[in-house]
Amino acid sequence: MEEAVVIDFTREAIWLIIRLAGPVVLIGLLVGVAIALIQALTQIQEMTLSFVPKMLAIFLSVFLFFPAMASALQAFMEVIADQIIAIE
Protein backbone atom coordinates (compact mmCIF):
# COMPACT_ATOMS: atom_id res chain seq x y z
CA MET A 1 0.00 0.00 0.00
CA GLU A 2 1.41 3.36 -0.95
CA GLU A 3 2.12 6.10 1.53
CA ALA A 4 -0.36 8.50 -0.09
CA VAL A 5 -3.18 5.97 0.24
CA VAL A 6 -2.42 5.46 3.93
CA ILE A 7 -2.39 9.22 4.50
CA ASP A 8 -5.74 9.55 2.69
CA PHE A 9 -7.25 6.78 4.83
CA THR A 10 -5.94 8.43 7.97
CA ARG A 11 -7.36 11.80 6.93
CA GLU A 12 -10.74 10.25 6.16
CA ALA A 13 -10.70 8.38 9.47
CA ILE A 14 -10.04 11.60 11.40
CA TRP A 15 -12.90 13.38 9.61
CA LEU A 16 -15.15 10.40 10.29
CA ILE A 17 -14.33 10.56 14.00
CA ILE A 18 -15.10 14.28 14.04
CA ARG A 19 -18.42 13.72 12.23
CA LEU A 20 -19.40 10.90 14.58
CA ALA A 21 -18.36 12.55 17.84
CA GLY A 22 -19.41 16.09 16.92
CA PRO A 23 -23.15 15.86 17.58
CA VAL A 24 -22.67 13.98 20.85
CA VAL A 25 -20.07 16.44 22.12
CA LEU A 26 -22.22 19.39 21.02
CA ILE A 27 -25.23 18.04 22.91
CA GLY A 28 -23.08 17.52 26.01
CA LEU A 29 -21.78 21.06 25.68
CA LEU A 30 -25.25 22.58 25.33
CA VAL A 31 -26.61 20.64 28.30
CA GLY A 32 -23.55 21.59 30.36
CA VAL A 33 -23.97 25.28 29.56
CA ALA A 34 -27.68 25.14 30.38
CA ILE A 35 -27.02 23.43 33.71
CA ALA A 36 -24.22 25.90 34.53
CA LEU A 37 -26.56 28.79 33.76
CA ILE A 38 -29.26 27.32 36.00
CA GLN A 39 -26.70 26.77 38.78
CA ALA A 40 -25.44 30.33 38.46
CA LEU A 41 -28.95 31.78 38.53
CA THR A 42 -30.10 29.72 41.52
CA GLN A 43 -26.70 29.64 43.29
CA ILE A 44 -26.98 25.88 43.75
CA GLN A 45 -23.42 24.53 43.57
CA GLU A 46 -24.04 20.79 43.77
CA MET A 47 -21.43 18.93 41.69
CA THR A 48 -23.61 15.93 40.86
CA LEU A 49 -26.28 18.25 39.45
CA SER A 50 -23.99 19.08 36.54
CA PHE A 51 -22.81 15.54 35.79
CA VAL A 52 -26.03 13.52 35.82
CA PRO A 53 -27.97 15.52 33.17
CA LYS A 54 -24.91 15.63 30.90
CA MET A 55 -24.43 11.87 31.22
CA LEU A 56 -28.09 11.21 30.46
CA ALA A 57 -28.05 13.57 27.46
CA ILE A 58 -24.89 11.98 26.07
CA PHE A 59 -26.23 8.43 26.52
CA LEU A 60 -29.51 9.41 24.87
CA SER A 61 -27.76 11.10 21.96
CA VAL A 62 -25.50 8.09 21.40
CA PHE A 63 -28.58 5.86 21.48
CA LEU A 64 -30.39 8.05 18.94
CA PHE A 65 -27.41 8.60 16.61
CA PHE A 66 -26.10 5.03 16.76
CA PRO A 67 -27.77 3.82 13.51
CA ALA A 68 -26.25 6.72 11.55
CA MET A 69 -22.88 6.19 13.23
CA ALA A 70 -22.93 2.49 12.43
CA SER A 71 -23.81 3.04 8.77
CA ALA A 72 -21.03 5.66 8.40
CA LEU A 73 -18.51 3.28 9.95
CA GLN A 74 -19.72 0.44 7.75
CA ALA A 75 -19.39 2.55 4.60
CA PHE A 76 -15.86 3.59 5.59
CA MET A 77 -14.89 -0.02 6.28
CA GLU A 78 -16.28 -1.09 2.91
CA VAL A 79 -14.13 1.54 1.17
CA ILE A 80 -11.06 0.32 3.04
CA ALA A 81 -11.84 -3.33 2.29
CA ASP A 82 -12.33 -2.55 -1.41
CA GLN A 83 -8.96 -0.79 -1.51
CA ILE A 84 -7.25 -3.73 0.20
CA ILE A 85 -8.82 -6.19 -2.24
CA ALA A 86 -7.80 -4.01 -5.20
CA ILE A 87 -4.16 -4.05 -4.10
CA GLU A 88 -3.83 -7.82 -4.15
PDB file of N, CA and C in Angstrom:
ATOM      1  N   MET A   1       0.844  -1.171   0.000  1.00  0.00           N
ATOM      2  CA  MET A   1       0.000   0.000   0.000  1.00  0.00           C
ATOM      3  C   MET A   1       0.894   1.239   0.000  1.00  0.00           C
ATOM      4  N   GLU A   2       0.587   2.169  -0.836  1.00  0.00           N
ATOM      5  CA  GLU A   2       1.409   3.363  -0.954  1.00  0.00           C
ATOM      6  C   GLU A   2       1.189   4.310   0.211  1.00  0.00           C
ATOM      7  N   GLU A   3       2.171   5.153   0.414  1.00  0.00           N
ATOM      8  CA  GLU A   3       2.121   6.099   1.526  1.00  0.00           C
ATOM      9  C   GLU A   3       0.977   7.101   1.363  1.00  0.00           C
ATOM     10  N   ALA A   4       0.716   7.533   0.151  1.00  0.00           N
ATOM     11  CA  ALA A   4      -0.362   8.500  -0.095  1.00  0.00           C
ATOM     12  C   ALA A   4      -1.725   7.903   0.233  1.00  0.00           C
ATOM     13  N   VAL A   5      -1.905   6.633  -0.063  1.00  0.00           N
ATOM     14  CA  VAL A   5      -3.178   5.968   0.238  1.00  0.00           C
ATOM     15  C   VAL A   5      -3.388   5.881   1.747  1.00  0.00           C
ATOM     16  N   VAL A   6      -2.333   5.540   2.476  1.00  0.00           N
ATOM     17  CA  VAL A   6      -2.421   5.457   3.929  1.00  0.00           C
ATOM     18  C   VAL A   6      -2.735   6.830   4.531  1.00  0.00           C
ATOM     19  N   ILE A   7      -2.116   7.867   4.010  1.00  0.00           N
ATOM     20  CA  ILE A   7      -2.385   9.217   4.500  1.00  0.00           C
ATOM     21  C   ILE A   7      -3.828   9.614   4.203  1.00  0.00           C
ATOM     22  N   ASP A   8      -4.343   9.264   3.023  1.00  0.00           N
ATOM     23  CA  ASP A   8      -5.737   9.553   2.695  1.00  0.00           C
ATOM     24  C   ASP A   8      -6.698   8.818   3.620  1.00  0.00           C
ATOM     25  N   PHE A   9      -6.414   7.537   3.898  1.00  0.00           N
ATOM     26  CA  PHE A   9      -7.252   6.780   4.827  1.00  0.00           C
ATOM     27  C   PHE A   9      -7.225   7.391   6.219  1.00  0.00           C
ATOM     28  N   THR A  10      -6.056   7.822   6.644  1.00  0.00           N
ATOM     29  CA  THR A  10      -5.937   8.433   7.967  1.00  0.00           C
ATOM     30  C   THR A  10      -6.719   9.737   8.024  1.00  0.00           C
ATOM     31  N   ARG A  11      -6.613  10.540   6.981  1.00  0.00           N
ATOM     32  CA  ARG A  11      -7.357  11.804   6.932  1.00  0.00           C
ATOM     33  C   ARG A  11      -8.861  11.548   6.960  1.00  0.00           C
ATOM     34  N   GLU A  12      -9.315  10.589   6.171  1.00  0.00           N
ATOM     35  CA  GLU A  12     -10.742  10.255   6.159  1.00  0.00           C
ATOM     36  C   GLU A  12     -11.198   9.699   7.505  1.00  0.00           C
ATOM     37  N   ALA A  13     -10.350   8.928   8.160  1.00  0.00           N
ATOM     38  CA  ALA A  13     -10.703   8.383   9.474  1.00  0.00           C
ATOM     39  C   ALA A  13     -10.834   9.493  10.514  1.00  0.00           C
ATOM     40  N   ILE A  14      -9.961  10.476  10.463  1.00  0.00           N
ATOM     41  CA  ILE A  14     -10.039  11.596  11.403  1.00  0.00           C
ATOM     42  C   ILE A  14     -11.318  12.395  11.162  1.00  0.00           C
ATOM     43  N   TRP A  15     -11.655  12.659   9.900  1.00  0.00           N
ATOM     44  CA  TRP A  15     -12.899  13.381   9.608  1.00  0.00           C
ATOM     45  C   TRP A  15     -14.123  12.573  10.023  1.00  0.00           C
ATOM     46  N   LEU A  16     -14.043  11.256   9.867  1.00  0.00           N
ATOM     47  CA  LEU A  16     -15.153  10.400  10.291  1.00  0.00           C
ATOM     48  C   LEU A  16     -15.335  10.470  11.799  1.00  0.00           C
ATOM     49  N   ILE A  17     -14.248  10.452  12.537  1.00  0.00           N
ATOM     50  CA  ILE A  17     -14.327  10.560  13.999  1.00  0.00           C
ATOM     51  C   ILE A  17     -14.941  11.897  14.394  1.00  0.00           C
ATOM     52  N   ILE A  18     -14.547  12.962  13.728  1.00  0.00           N
ATOM     53  CA  ILE A  18     -15.102  14.278  14.037  1.00  0.00           C
ATOM     54  C   ILE A  18     -16.591  14.314  13.723  1.00  0.00           C
ATOM     55  N   ARG A  19     -16.997  13.741  12.585  1.00  0.00           N
ATOM     56  CA  ARG A  19     -18.418  13.719  12.228  1.00  0.00           C
ATOM     57  C   ARG A  19     -19.234  12.865  13.190  1.00  0.00           C
ATOM     58  N   LEU A  20     -18.667  11.773  13.677  1.00  0.00           N
ATOM     59  CA  LEU A  20     -19.401  10.904  14.579  1.00  0.00           C
ATOM     60  C   LEU A  20     -19.486  11.477  15.987  1.00  0.00           C
ATOM     61  N   ALA A  21     -18.394  12.048  16.465  1.00  0.00           N
ATOM     62  CA  ALA A  21     -18.364  12.553  17.836  1.00  0.00           C
ATOM     63  C   ALA A  21     -18.936  13.954  17.958  1.00  0.00           C
ATOM     64  N   GLY A  22     -18.966  14.699  16.877  1.00  0.00           N
ATOM     65  CA  GLY A  22     -19.406  16.088  16.923  1.00  0.00           C
ATOM     66  C   GLY A  22     -20.785  16.307  17.515  1.00  0.00           C
ATOM     67  N   PRO A  23     -21.820  15.629  17.018  1.00  0.00           N
ATOM     68  CA  PRO A  23     -23.152  15.861  17.582  1.00  0.00           C
ATOM     69  C   PRO A  23     -23.259  15.493  19.062  1.00  0.00           C
ATOM     70  N   VAL A  24     -22.608  14.414  19.455  1.00  0.00           N
ATOM     71  CA  VAL A  24     -22.668  13.979  20.851  1.00  0.00           C
ATOM     72  C   VAL A  24     -21.960  14.991  21.754  1.00  0.00           C
ATOM     73  N   VAL A  25     -20.807  15.455  21.334  1.00  0.00           N
ATOM     74  CA  VAL A  25     -20.068  16.445  22.116  1.00  0.00           C
ATOM     75  C   VAL A  25     -20.834  17.765  22.165  1.00  0.00           C
ATOM     76  N   LEU A  26     -21.443  18.149  21.063  1.00  0.00           N
ATOM     77  CA  LEU A  26     -22.217  19.387  21.022  1.00  0.00           C
ATOM     78  C   LEU A  26     -23.421  19.326  21.963  1.00  0.00           C
ATOM     79  N   ILE A  27     -24.100  18.200  21.996  1.00  0.00           N
ATOM     80  CA  ILE A  27     -25.229  18.043  22.910  1.00  0.00           C
ATOM     81  C   ILE A  27     -24.744  18.097  24.356  1.00  0.00           C
ATOM     82  N   GLY A  28     -23.636  17.440  24.661  1.00  0.00           N
ATOM     83  CA  GLY A  28     -23.075  17.520  26.007  1.00  0.00           C
ATOM     84  C   GLY A  28     -22.692  18.934  26.386  1.00  0.00           C
ATOM     85  N   LEU A  29     -22.148  19.664  25.432  1.00  0.00           N
ATOM     86  CA  LEU A  29     -21.776  21.061  25.679  1.00  0.00           C
ATOM     87  C   LEU A  29     -23.000  21.924  25.955  1.00  0.00           C
ATOM     88  N   LEU A  30     -24.040  21.783  25.144  1.00  0.00           N
ATOM     89  CA  LEU A  30     -25.249  22.585  25.328  1.00  0.00           C
ATOM     90  C   LEU A  30     -25.930  22.276  26.660  1.00  0.00           C
ATOM     91  N   VAL A  31     -26.006  21.006  27.015  1.00  0.00           N
ATOM     92  CA  VAL A  31     -26.610  20.643  28.297  1.00  0.00           C
ATOM     93  C   VAL A  31     -25.754  21.164  29.446  1.00  0.00           C
ATOM     94  N   GLY A  32     -24.439  21.081  29.322  1.00  0.00           N
ATOM     95  CA  GLY A  32     -23.553  21.590  30.362  1.00  0.00           C
ATOM     96  C   GLY A  32     -23.690  23.089  30.558  1.00  0.00           C
ATOM     97  N   VAL A  33     -23.794  23.831  29.458  1.00  0.00           N
ATOM     98  CA  VAL A  33     -23.967  25.282  29.559  1.00  0.00           C
ATOM     99  C   VAL A  33     -25.318  25.615  30.188  1.00  0.00           C
ATOM    100  N   ALA A  34     -26.352  24.885  29.800  1.00  0.00           N
ATOM    101  CA  ALA A  34     -27.681  25.140  30.377  1.00  0.00           C
ATOM    102  C   ALA A  34     -27.691  24.862  31.880  1.00  0.00           C
ATOM    103  N   ILE A  35     -27.082  23.770  32.292  1.00  0.00           N
ATOM    104  CA  ILE A  35     -27.023  23.432  33.714  1.00  0.00           C
ATOM    105  C   ILE A  35     -26.175  24.452  34.463  1.00  0.00           C
ATOM    106  N   ALA A  36     -25.073  24.885  33.886  1.00  0.00           N
ATOM    107  CA  ALA A  36     -24.224  25.896  34.533  1.00  0.00           C
ATOM    108  C   ALA A  36     -24.979  27.209  34.684  1.00  0.00           C
ATOM    109  N   LEU A  37     -25.772  27.566  33.678  1.00  0.00           N
ATOM    110  CA  LEU A  37     -26.565  28.785  33.764  1.00  0.00           C
ATOM    111  C   LEU A  37     -27.613  28.681  34.872  1.00  0.00           C
ATOM    112  N   ILE A  38     -28.266  27.533  34.943  1.00  0.00           N
ATOM    113  CA  ILE A  38     -29.255  27.321  36.003  1.00  0.00           C
ATOM    114  C   ILE A  38     -28.591  27.364  37.374  1.00  0.00           C
ATOM    115  N   GLN A  39     -27.417  26.744  37.495  1.00  0.00           N
ATOM    116  CA  GLN A  39     -26.704  26.773  38.776  1.00  0.00           C
ATOM    117  C   GLN A  39     -26.280  28.191  39.144  1.00  0.00           C
ATOM    118  N   ALA A  40     -25.857  28.957  38.172  1.00  0.00           N
ATOM    119  CA  ALA A  40     -25.444  30.331  38.455  1.00  0.00           C
ATOM    120  C   ALA A  40     -26.632  31.203  38.857  1.00  0.00           C
ATOM    121  N   LEU A  41     -27.771  30.979  38.213  1.00  0.00           N
ATOM    122  CA  LEU A  41     -28.953  31.781  38.532  1.00  0.00           C
ATOM    123  C   LEU A  41     -29.540  31.431  39.890  1.00  0.00           C
ATOM    124  N   THR A  42     -29.506  30.147  40.250  1.00  0.00           N
ATOM    125  CA  THR A  42     -30.098  29.724  41.521  1.00  0.00           C
ATOM    126  C   THR A  42     -29.076  29.619  42.636  1.00  0.00           C
ATOM    127  N   GLN A  43     -27.813  29.755  42.338  1.00  0.00           N
ATOM    128  CA  GLN A  43     -26.704  29.643  43.292  1.00  0.00           C
ATOM    129  C   GLN A  43     -26.666  28.279  43.975  1.00  0.00           C
ATOM    130  N   ILE A  44     -27.105  27.250  43.270  1.00  0.00           N
ATOM    131  CA  ILE A  44     -26.977  25.879  43.751  1.00  0.00           C
ATOM    132  C   ILE A  44     -25.678  25.336  43.180  1.00  0.00           C
ATOM    133  N   GLN A  45     -24.736  24.976  44.038  1.00  0.00           N
ATOM    134  CA  GLN A  45     -23.418  24.529  43.572  1.00  0.00           C
ATOM    135  C   GLN A  45     -23.196  23.049  43.862  1.00  0.00           C
ATOM    136  N   GLU A  46     -24.175  22.238  43.569  1.00  0.00           N
ATOM    137  CA  GLU A  46     -24.042  20.793  43.766  1.00  0.00           C
ATOM    138  C   GLU A  46     -23.322  20.195  42.552  1.00  0.00           C
ATOM    139  N   MET A  47     -22.240  19.466  42.792  1.00  0.00           N
ATOM    140  CA  MET A  47     -21.431  18.934  41.688  1.00  0.00           C
ATOM    141  C   MET A  47     -22.172  17.856  40.897  1.00  0.00           C
ATOM    142  N   THR A  48     -22.928  17.002  41.578  1.00  0.00           N
ATOM    143  CA  THR A  48     -23.613  15.926  40.860  1.00  0.00           C
ATOM    144  C   THR A  48     -24.726  16.471  39.971  1.00  0.00           C
ATOM    145  N   LEU A  49     -25.229  17.653  40.273  1.00  0.00           N
ATOM    146  CA  LEU A  49     -26.284  18.247  39.453  1.00  0.00           C
ATOM    147  C   LEU A  49     -25.791  18.542  38.041  1.00  0.00           C
ATOM    148  N   SER A  50     -24.507  18.795  37.877  1.00  0.00           N
ATOM    149  CA  SER A  50     -23.989  19.081  36.543  1.00  0.00           C
ATOM    150  C   SER A  50     -23.627  17.808  35.776  1.00  0.00           C
ATOM    151  N   PHE A  51     -23.257  16.748  36.479  1.00  0.00           N
ATOM    152  CA  PHE A  51     -22.814  15.538  35.786  1.00  0.00           C
ATOM    153  C   PHE A  51     -23.964  14.652  35.318  1.00  0.00           C
ATOM    154  N   VAL A  52     -24.962  14.468  36.144  1.00  0.00           N
ATOM    155  CA  VAL A  52     -26.033  13.520  35.815  1.00  0.00           C
ATOM    156  C   VAL A  52     -26.806  13.930  34.558  1.00  0.00           C
ATOM    157  N   PRO A  53     -27.259  15.170  34.411  1.00  0.00           N
ATOM    158  CA  PRO A  53     -27.973  15.520  33.167  1.00  0.00           C
ATOM    159  C   PRO A  53     -27.090  15.407  31.929  1.00  0.00           C
ATOM    160  N   LYS A  54     -25.801  15.757  32.057  1.00  0.00           N
ATOM    161  CA  LYS A  54     -24.909  15.626  30.896  1.00  0.00           C
ATOM    162  C   LYS A  54     -24.731  14.159  30.514  1.00  0.00           C
ATOM    163  N   MET A  55     -24.567  13.301  31.510  1.00  0.00           N
ATOM    164  CA  MET A  55     -24.427  11.872  31.222  1.00  0.00           C
ATOM    165  C   MET A  55     -25.673  11.323  30.548  1.00  0.00           C
ATOM    166  N   LEU A  56     -26.833  11.687  31.057  1.00  0.00           N
ATOM    167  CA  LEU A  56     -28.086  11.209  30.458  1.00  0.00           C
ATOM    168  C   LEU A  56     -28.256  11.733  29.036  1.00  0.00           C
ATOM    169  N   ALA A  57     -27.928  12.996  28.806  1.00  0.00           N
ATOM    170  CA  ALA A  57     -28.051  13.572  27.464  1.00  0.00           C
ATOM    171  C   ALA A  57     -27.089  12.900  26.487  1.00  0.00           C
ATOM    172  N   ILE A  58     -25.875  12.628  26.939  1.00  0.00           N
ATOM    173  CA  ILE A  58     -24.895  11.977  26.072  1.00  0.00           C
ATOM    174  C   ILE A  58     -25.310  10.542  25.764  1.00  0.00           C
ATOM    175  N   PHE A  59     -25.773   9.803  26.772  1.00  0.00           N
ATOM    176  CA  PHE A  59     -26.234   8.434  26.522  1.00  0.00           C
ATOM    177  C   PHE A  59     -27.429   8.418  25.574  1.00  0.00           C
ATOM    178  N   LEU A  60     -28.348   9.342  25.751  1.00  0.00           N
ATOM    179  CA  LEU A  60     -29.509   9.408  24.872  1.00  0.00           C
ATOM    180  C   LEU A  60     -29.112   9.778  23.443  1.00  0.00           C
ATOM    181  N   SER A  61     -28.185  10.712  23.306  1.00  0.00           N
ATOM    182  CA  SER A  61     -27.763  11.098  21.959  1.00  0.00           C
ATOM    183  C   SER A  61     -26.996   9.972  21.264  1.00  0.00           C
ATOM    184  N   VAL A  62     -26.181   9.238  22.006  1.00  0.00           N
ATOM    185  CA  VAL A  62     -25.497   8.088  21.402  1.00  0.00           C
ATOM    186  C   VAL A  62     -26.521   7.047  20.977  1.00  0.00           C
ATOM    187  N   PHE A  63     -27.528   6.821  21.813  1.00  0.00           N
ATOM    188  CA  PHE A  63     -28.575   5.858  21.479  1.00  0.00           C
ATOM    189  C   PHE A  63     -29.327   6.281  20.214  1.00  0.00           C
ATOM    190  N   LEU A  64     -29.636   7.575  20.097  1.00  0.00           N
ATOM    191  CA  LEU A  64     -30.386   8.054  18.939  1.00  0.00           C
ATOM    192  C   LEU A  64     -29.550   8.097  17.672  1.00  0.00           C
ATOM    193  N   PHE A  65     -28.268   8.470  17.791  1.00  0.00           N
ATOM    194  CA  PHE A  65     -27.414   8.603  16.614  1.00  0.00           C
ATOM    195  C   PHE A  65     -26.688   7.313  16.237  1.00  0.00           C
ATOM    196  N   PHE A  66     -26.858   6.246  17.023  1.00  0.00           N
ATOM    197  CA  PHE A  66     -26.103   5.026  16.756  1.00  0.00           C
ATOM    198  C   PHE A  66     -26.358   4.429  15.373  1.00  0.00           C
ATOM    199  N   PRO A  67     -27.591   4.374  14.868  1.00  0.00           N
ATOM    200  CA  PRO A  67     -27.768   3.816  13.508  1.00  0.00           C
ATOM    201  C   PRO A  67     -26.988   4.594  12.445  1.00  0.00           C
ATOM    202  N   ALA A  68     -26.998   5.915  12.525  1.00  0.00           N
ATOM    203  CA  ALA A  68     -26.254   6.717  11.551  1.00  0.00           C
ATOM    204  C   ALA A  68     -24.750   6.516  11.722  1.00  0.00           C
ATOM    205  N   MET A  69     -24.303   6.422  12.974  1.00  0.00           N
ATOM    206  CA  MET A  69     -22.881   6.190  13.225  1.00  0.00           C
ATOM    207  C   MET A  69     -22.450   4.837  12.681  1.00  0.00           C
ATOM    208  N   ALA A  70     -23.271   3.833  12.904  1.00  0.00           N
ATOM    209  CA  ALA A  70     -22.932   2.491  12.430  1.00  0.00           C
ATOM    210  C   ALA A  70     -22.881   2.430  10.910  1.00  0.00           C
ATOM    211  N   SER A  71     -23.818   3.080  10.245  1.00  0.00           N
ATOM    212  CA  SER A  71     -23.806   3.044   8.774  1.00  0.00           C
ATOM    213  C   SER A  71     -22.609   3.812   8.214  1.00  0.00           C
ATOM    214  N   ALA A  72     -22.213   4.925   8.856  1.00  0.00           N
ATOM    215  CA  ALA A  72     -21.025   5.661   8.401  1.00  0.00           C
ATOM    216  C   ALA A  72     -19.762   4.822   8.590  1.00  0.00           C
ATOM    217  N   LEU A  73     -19.665   4.149   9.722  1.00  0.00           N
ATOM    218  CA  LEU A  73     -18.505   3.281   9.954  1.00  0.00           C
ATOM    219  C   LEU A  73     -18.480   2.106   8.981  1.00  0.00           C
ATOM    220  N   GLN A  74     -19.648   1.552   8.689  1.00  0.00           N
ATOM    221  CA  GLN A  74     -19.717   0.437   7.753  1.00  0.00           C
ATOM    222  C   GLN A  74     -19.303   0.882   6.351  1.00  0.00           C
ATOM    223  N   ALA A  75     -19.758   2.047   5.926  1.00  0.00           N
ATOM    224  CA  ALA A  75     -19.389   2.551   4.604  1.00  0.00           C
ATOM    225  C   ALA A  75     -17.888   2.801   4.520  1.00  0.00           C
ATOM    226  N   PHE A  76     -17.308   3.347   5.580  1.00  0.00           N
ATOM    227  CA  PHE A  76     -15.859   3.588   5.589  1.00  0.00           C
ATOM    228  C   PHE A  76     -15.097   2.274   5.541  1.00  0.00           C
ATOM    229  N   MET A  77     -15.569   1.281   6.286  1.00  0.00           N
ATOM    230  CA  MET A  77     -14.895  -0.021   6.277  1.00  0.00           C
ATOM    231  C   MET A  77     -15.006  -0.697   4.919  1.00  0.00           C
ATOM    232  N   GLU A  78     -16.134  -0.520   4.249  1.00  0.00           N
ATOM    233  CA  GLU A  78     -16.284  -1.095   2.911  1.00  0.00           C
ATOM    234  C   GLU A  78     -15.304  -0.460   1.932  1.00  0.00           C
ATOM    235  N   VAL A  79     -15.097   0.854   2.033  1.00  0.00           N
ATOM    236  CA  VAL A  79     -14.130   1.537   1.168  1.00  0.00           C
ATOM    237  C   VAL A  79     -12.721   0.996   1.440  1.00  0.00           C
ATOM    238  N   ILE A  80     -12.384   0.834   2.696  1.00  0.00           N
ATOM    239  CA  ILE A  80     -11.056   0.318   3.043  1.00  0.00           C
ATOM    240  C   ILE A  80     -10.906  -1.113   2.547  1.00  0.00           C
ATOM    241  N   ALA A  81     -11.918  -1.939   2.733  1.00  0.00           N
ATOM    242  CA  ALA A  81     -11.841  -3.335   2.285  1.00  0.00           C
ATOM    243  C   ALA A  81     -11.705  -3.410   0.771  1.00  0.00           C
ATOM    244  N   ASP A  82     -12.436  -2.559   0.049  1.00  0.00           N
ATOM    245  CA  ASP A  82     -12.328  -2.546  -1.411  1.00  0.00           C
ATOM    246  C   ASP A  82     -10.928  -2.160  -1.864  1.00  0.00           C
ATOM    247  N   GLN A  83     -10.332  -1.203  -1.179  1.00  0.00           N
ATOM    248  CA  GLN A  83      -8.958  -0.791  -1.513  1.00  0.00           C
ATOM    249  C   GLN A  83      -7.962  -1.915  -1.224  1.00  0.00           C
ATOM    250  N   ILE A  84      -8.152  -2.626  -0.124  1.00  0.00           N
ATOM    251  CA  ILE A  84      -7.254  -3.734   0.196  1.00  0.00           C
ATOM    252  C   ILE A  84      -7.377  -4.842  -0.819  1.00  0.00           C
ATOM    253  N   ILE A  85      -8.608  -5.144  -1.232  1.00  0.00           N
ATOM    254  CA  ILE A  85      -8.822  -6.186  -2.243  1.00  0.00           C
ATOM    255  C   ILE A  85      -8.225  -5.760  -3.574  1.00  0.00           C
ATOM    256  N   ALA A  86      -8.317  -4.492  -3.928  1.00  0.00           N
ATOM    257  CA  ALA A  86      -7.804  -4.006  -5.203  1.00  0.00           C
ATOM    258  C   ALA A  86      -6.280  -4.075  -5.259  1.00  0.00           C
ATOM    259  N   ILE A  87      -5.620  -4.016  -4.127  1.00  0.00           N
ATOM    260  CA  ILE A  87      -4.157  -4.050  -4.105  1.00  0.00           C
ATOM    261  C   ILE A  87      -3.641  -5.452  -4.440  1.00  0.00           C
ATOM    262  N   GLU A  88      -4.322  -6.453  -3.953  1.00  0.00           N
ATOM    263  CA  GLU A  88      -3.827  -7.821  -4.151  1.00  0.00           C
ATOM    264  C   GLU A  88      -4.153  -8.393  -5.482  1.00  0.00           C
TER     265      GLU A  88
END
